[in-house]
Amino acid sequence: MVKYFFILLILTLGSCKEKINDFYQGKVLDENGFPLEHVVVEEYKMGNRTKSDSLGYFKLKRSENWLGSLVFSKEGYESDTLPTVWTQAGETTEYHFIKDDTSLVYLHLLSQSGSSF
């Protein structure tokens, strides 16, 4: 009986921990909310990358023991770098991209000012 109680206690404590996936996922949209295809999504300074699909969705396997920033880039759009973990006073406050939900990322068109014909 004690053995079963101990196993139940371990299972209960193990399930209380916040689940973190081993991948980043989300959707990349333009400034008008339309999906952007072929946006390069990569882990900063790691080289691990993928591209968004026709619906703007991306899913990137996370490098082991790495929580840095993701870089989003597409020709004709401003690149954006977003942290995967938000911290405050040295403590982790929120994980981005690696929870069960899908994060939204917006890219803006490069301004055409300064171009000459």
C-alpha atoms as a PDB file:
ATOM      1  CA  MET A   1       0.000   0.000   0.000  1.00  0.00           C
ATOM      2  CA  VAL A   2       2.818   2.403   0.908  1.00  0.00           C
ATOM      3  CA  LYS A   3       4.513   1.567  -2.399  1.00  0.00           C
ATOM      4  CA  TYR A   4       1.416   2.587  -4.407  1.00  0.00           C
ATOM      5  CA  PHE A   5       1.028   5.813  -2.418  1.00  0.00           C
ATOM      6  CA  PHE A   6       4.675   6.709  -3.135  1.00  0.00           C
ATOM      7  CA  ILE A   7       4.233   6.087  -6.886  1.00  0.00           C
ATOM      8  CA  LEU A   8       1.059   8.194  -6.935  1.00  0.00           C
ATOM      9  CA  LEU A   9       2.881  11.014  -5.116  1.00  0.00           C
ATOM     10  CA  ILE A  10       5.735  11.001  -7.656  1.00  0.00           C
ATOM     11  CA  LEU A  11       3.313  11.053 -10.591  1.00  0.00           C
ATOM     12  CA  THR A  12       1.351  13.928  -9.057  1.00  0.00           C
ATOM     13  CA  LEU A  13       4.436  16.045  -8.379  1.00  0.00           C
ATOM     14  CA  GLY A  14       5.800  15.350 -11.853  1.00  0.00           C
ATOM     15  CA  SER A  15       2.615  16.553 -13.518  1.00  0.00           C
ATOM     16  CA  CYS A  16       2.686  19.904 -11.667  1.00  0.00           C
ATOM     17  CA  LYS A  17       5.725  21.075 -13.580  1.00  0.00           C
ATOM     18  CA  GLU A  18       5.173  23.514 -16.489  1.00  0.00           C
ATOM     19  CA  LYS A  19       5.391  21.669 -19.784  1.00  0.00           C
ATOM     20  CA  ILE A  20       7.968  23.045 -22.206  1.00  0.00           C
ATOM     21  CA  ASN A  21       8.085  21.656 -25.729  1.00  0.00           C
ATOM     22  CA  ASP A  22      11.273  20.883 -27.584  1.00  0.00           C
ATOM     23  CA  PHE A  23      10.233  23.100 -30.493  1.00  0.00           C
ATOM     24  CA  TYR A  24       9.268  26.669 -31.315  1.00  0.00           C
ATOM     25  CA  GLN A  25       6.042  27.275 -33.188  1.00  0.00           C
ATOM     26  CA  GLY A  26       4.032  30.217 -34.366  1.00  0.00           C
ATOM     27  CA  LYS A  27       2.609  32.166 -37.275  1.00  0.00           C
ATOM     28  CA  VAL A  28       4.281  34.997 -39.148  1.00  0.00           C
ATOM     29  CA  LEU A  29       1.945  37.699 -40.438  1.00  0.00           C
ATOM     30  CA  ASP A  30       2.407  40.941 -42.342  1.00  0.00           C
ATOM     31  CA  GLU A  31       1.343  44.271 -40.875  1.00  0.00           C
ATOM     32  CA  ASN A  32      -2.183  43.742 -42.254  1.00  0.00           C
ATOM     33  CA  GLY A  33      -2.577  40.343 -40.583  1.00  0.00           C
ATOM     34  CA  PHE A  34      -2.043  38.227 -43.717  1.00  0.00           C
ATOM     35  CA  PRO A  35       0.160  35.104 -43.481  1.00  0.00           C
ATOM     36  CA  LEU A  36       3.721  35.405 -44.793  1.00  0.00           C
ATOM     37  CA  GLU A  37       5.220  32.427 -46.624  1.00  0.00           C
ATOM     38  CA  HIS A  38       8.952  31.593 -46.829  1.00  0.00           C
ATOM     39  CA  VAL A  39       9.984  33.658 -43.796  1.00  0.00           C
ATOM     40  CA  VAL A  40      13.298  32.305 -42.503  1.00  0.00           C
ATOM     41  CA  VAL A  41      13.098  31.548 -38.778  1.00  0.00           C
ATOM     42  CA  GLU A  42      16.388  30.710 -37.071  1.00  0.00           C
ATOM     43  CA  GLU A  43      17.966  30.432 -33.671  1.00  0.00           C
ATOM     44  CA  TYR A  44      20.362  33.350 -33.262  1.00  0.00           C
ATOM     45  CA  LYS A  45      24.004  32.217 -33.649  1.00  0.00           C
ATOM     46  CA  MET A  46      23.010  28.530 -33.753  1.00  0.00           C
ATOM     47  CA  GLY A  47      22.246  27.995 -37.449  1.00  0.00           C
ATOM     48  CA  ASN A  48      19.147  25.894 -36.764  1.00  0.00           C
ATOM     49  CA  ARG A  49      16.461  27.225 -39.142  1.00  0.00           C
ATOM     50  CA  THR A  50      13.189  26.621 -40.946  1.00  0.00           C
ATOM     51  CA  LYS A  51      10.773  28.566 -43.167  1.00  0.00           C
ATOM     52  CA  SER A  52       7.120  29.463 -42.698  1.00  0.00           C
ATOM     53  CA  ASP A  53       4.573  27.676 -44.881  1.00  0.00           C
ATOM     54  CA  SER A  54       1.785  29.137 -47.067  1.00  0.00           C
ATOM     55  CA  LEU A  55      -0.314  29.827 -43.945  1.00  0.00           C
ATOM     56  CA  GLY A  56       2.584  31.608 -42.216  1.00  0.00           C
ATOM     57  CA  TYR A  57       3.033  28.714 -39.764  1.00  0.00           C
ATOM     58  CA  PHE A  58       6.487  27.632 -38.632  1.00  0.00           C
ATOM     59  CA  LYS A  59       7.737  24.900 -36.349  1.00  0.00           C
ATOM     60  CA  LEU A  60      11.417  24.711 -35.451  1.00  0.00           C
ATOM     61  CA  LYS A  61      13.083  22.025 -33.353  1.00  0.00           C
ATOM     62  CA  ARG A  62      14.824  23.706 -30.436  1.00  0.00           C
ATOM     63  CA  SER A  63      18.539  23.138 -29.955  1.00  0.00           C
ATOM     64  CA  GLU A  64      19.262  21.355 -26.707  1.00  0.00           C
ATOM     65  CA  ASN A  65      20.212  23.610 -23.769  1.00  0.00           C
ATOM     66  CA  TRP A  66      19.628  26.790 -25.783  1.00  0.00           C
ATOM     67  CA  LEU A  67      17.162  29.559 -24.956  1.00  0.00           C
ATOM     68  CA  GLY A  68      18.186  32.632 -26.920  1.00  0.00           C
ATOM     69  CA  SER A  69      16.471  34.727 -29.568  1.00  0.00           C
ATOM     70  CA  LEU A  70      14.745  33.805 -32.793  1.00  0.00           C
ATOM     71  CA  VAL A  71      15.481  35.843 -35.921  1.00  0.00           C
ATOM     72  CA  PHE A  72      12.717  36.306 -38.528  1.00  0.00           C
ATOM     73  CA  SER A  73      13.732  37.501 -41.990  1.00  0.00           C
ATOM     74  CA  LYS A  74      12.229  37.776 -45.458  1.00  0.00           C
ATOM     75  CA  GLU A  75      13.357  39.788 -48.466  1.00  0.00           C
ATOM     76  CA  GLY A  76      11.454  43.072 -48.686  1.00  0.00           C
ATOM     77  CA  TYR A  77      10.563  43.031 -44.969  1.00  0.00           C
ATOM     78  CA  GLU A  78      12.271  44.365 -41.863  1.00  0.00           C
ATOM     79  CA  SER A  79      13.961  41.549 -39.944  1.00  0.00           C
ATOM     80  CA  ASP A  80      12.933  41.039 -36.349  1.00  0.00           C
ATOM     81  CA  THR A  81      14.699  39.381 -33.423  1.00  0.00           C
ATOM     82  CA  LEU A  82      12.558  38.132 -30.557  1.00  0.00           C
ATOM     83  CA  PRO A  83      13.675  36.557 -27.268  1.00  0.00           C
ATOM     84  CA  THR A  84      12.355  33.082 -26.524  1.00  0.00           C
ATOM     85  CA  VAL A  85      12.415  33.760 -22.768  1.00  0.00           C
ATOM     86  CA  TRP A  86      11.423  36.951 -20.968  1.00  0.00           C
ATOM     87  CA  THR A  87      13.195  37.663 -17.713  1.00  0.00           C
ATOM     88  CA  GLN A  88      12.819  40.298 -15.047  1.00  0.00           C
ATOM     89  CA  ALA A  89      15.350  40.882 -12.279  1.00  0.00           C
ATOM     90  CA  GLY A  90      17.164  37.727 -13.390  1.00  0.00           C
ATOM     91  CA  GLU A  91      14.137  35.451 -13.027  1.00  0.00           C
ATOM     92  CA  THR A  92      12.313  33.794 -15.914  1.00  0.00           C
ATOM     93  CA  THR A  93       8.844  35.294 -16.223  1.00  0.00           C
ATOM     94  CA  GLU A  94       7.526  33.765 -19.441  1.00  0.00           C
ATOM     95  CA  TYR A  95       8.542  31.349 -22.198  1.00  0.00           C
ATOM     96  CA  HIS A  96       7.623  32.367 -25.744  1.00  0.00           C
ATOM     97  CA  PHE A  97       7.091  29.964 -28.652  1.00  0.00           C
ATOM     98  CA  ILE A  98       7.617  26.830 -26.576  1.00  0.00           C
ATOM     99  CA  LYS A  99       4.329  26.515 -24.761  1.00  0.00           C
ATOM    100  CA  ASP A 100       1.344  24.659 -26.174  1.00  0.00           C
ATOM    101  CA  ASP A 101      -0.068  27.757 -27.883  1.00  0.00           C
ATOM    102  CA  THR A 102       0.976  29.374 -31.145  1.00  0.00           C
ATOM    103  CA  SER A 103       2.719  32.729 -31.002  1.00  0.00           C
ATOM    104  CA  LEU A 104       2.084  35.464 -33.582  1.00  0.00           C
ATOM    105  CA  VAL A 105       4.958  37.414 -35.117  1.00  0.00           C
ATOM    106  CA  TYR A 106       4.400  40.482 -37.325  1.00  0.00           C
ATOM    107  CA  LEU A 107       6.879  41.661 -39.983  1.00  0.00           C
ATOM    108  CA  HIS A 108       6.699  45.097 -41.613  1.00  0.00           C
ATOM    109  CA  LEU A 109       7.507  46.014 -45.211  1.00  0.00           C
ATOM    110  CA  LEU A 110      10.723  47.909 -45.725  1.00  0.00           C
ATOM    111  CA  SER A 111      10.040  51.584 -46.412  1.00  0.00           C
ATOM    112  CA  GLN A 112      10.544  52.583 -50.028  1.00  0.00           C
ATOM    113  CA  SER A 113      11.857  56.069 -49.178  1.00  0.00           C
ATOM    114  CA  GLY A 114      15.329  56.804 -50.378  1.00  0.00           C
ATOM    115  CA  SER A 115      15.107  54.564 -53.432  1.00  0.00           C
ATOM    116  CA  SER A 116      15.920  56.224 -56.737  1.00  0.00           C
ATOM    117  CA  PHE A 117      14.757  55.405 -60.249  1.00  0.00           C
END
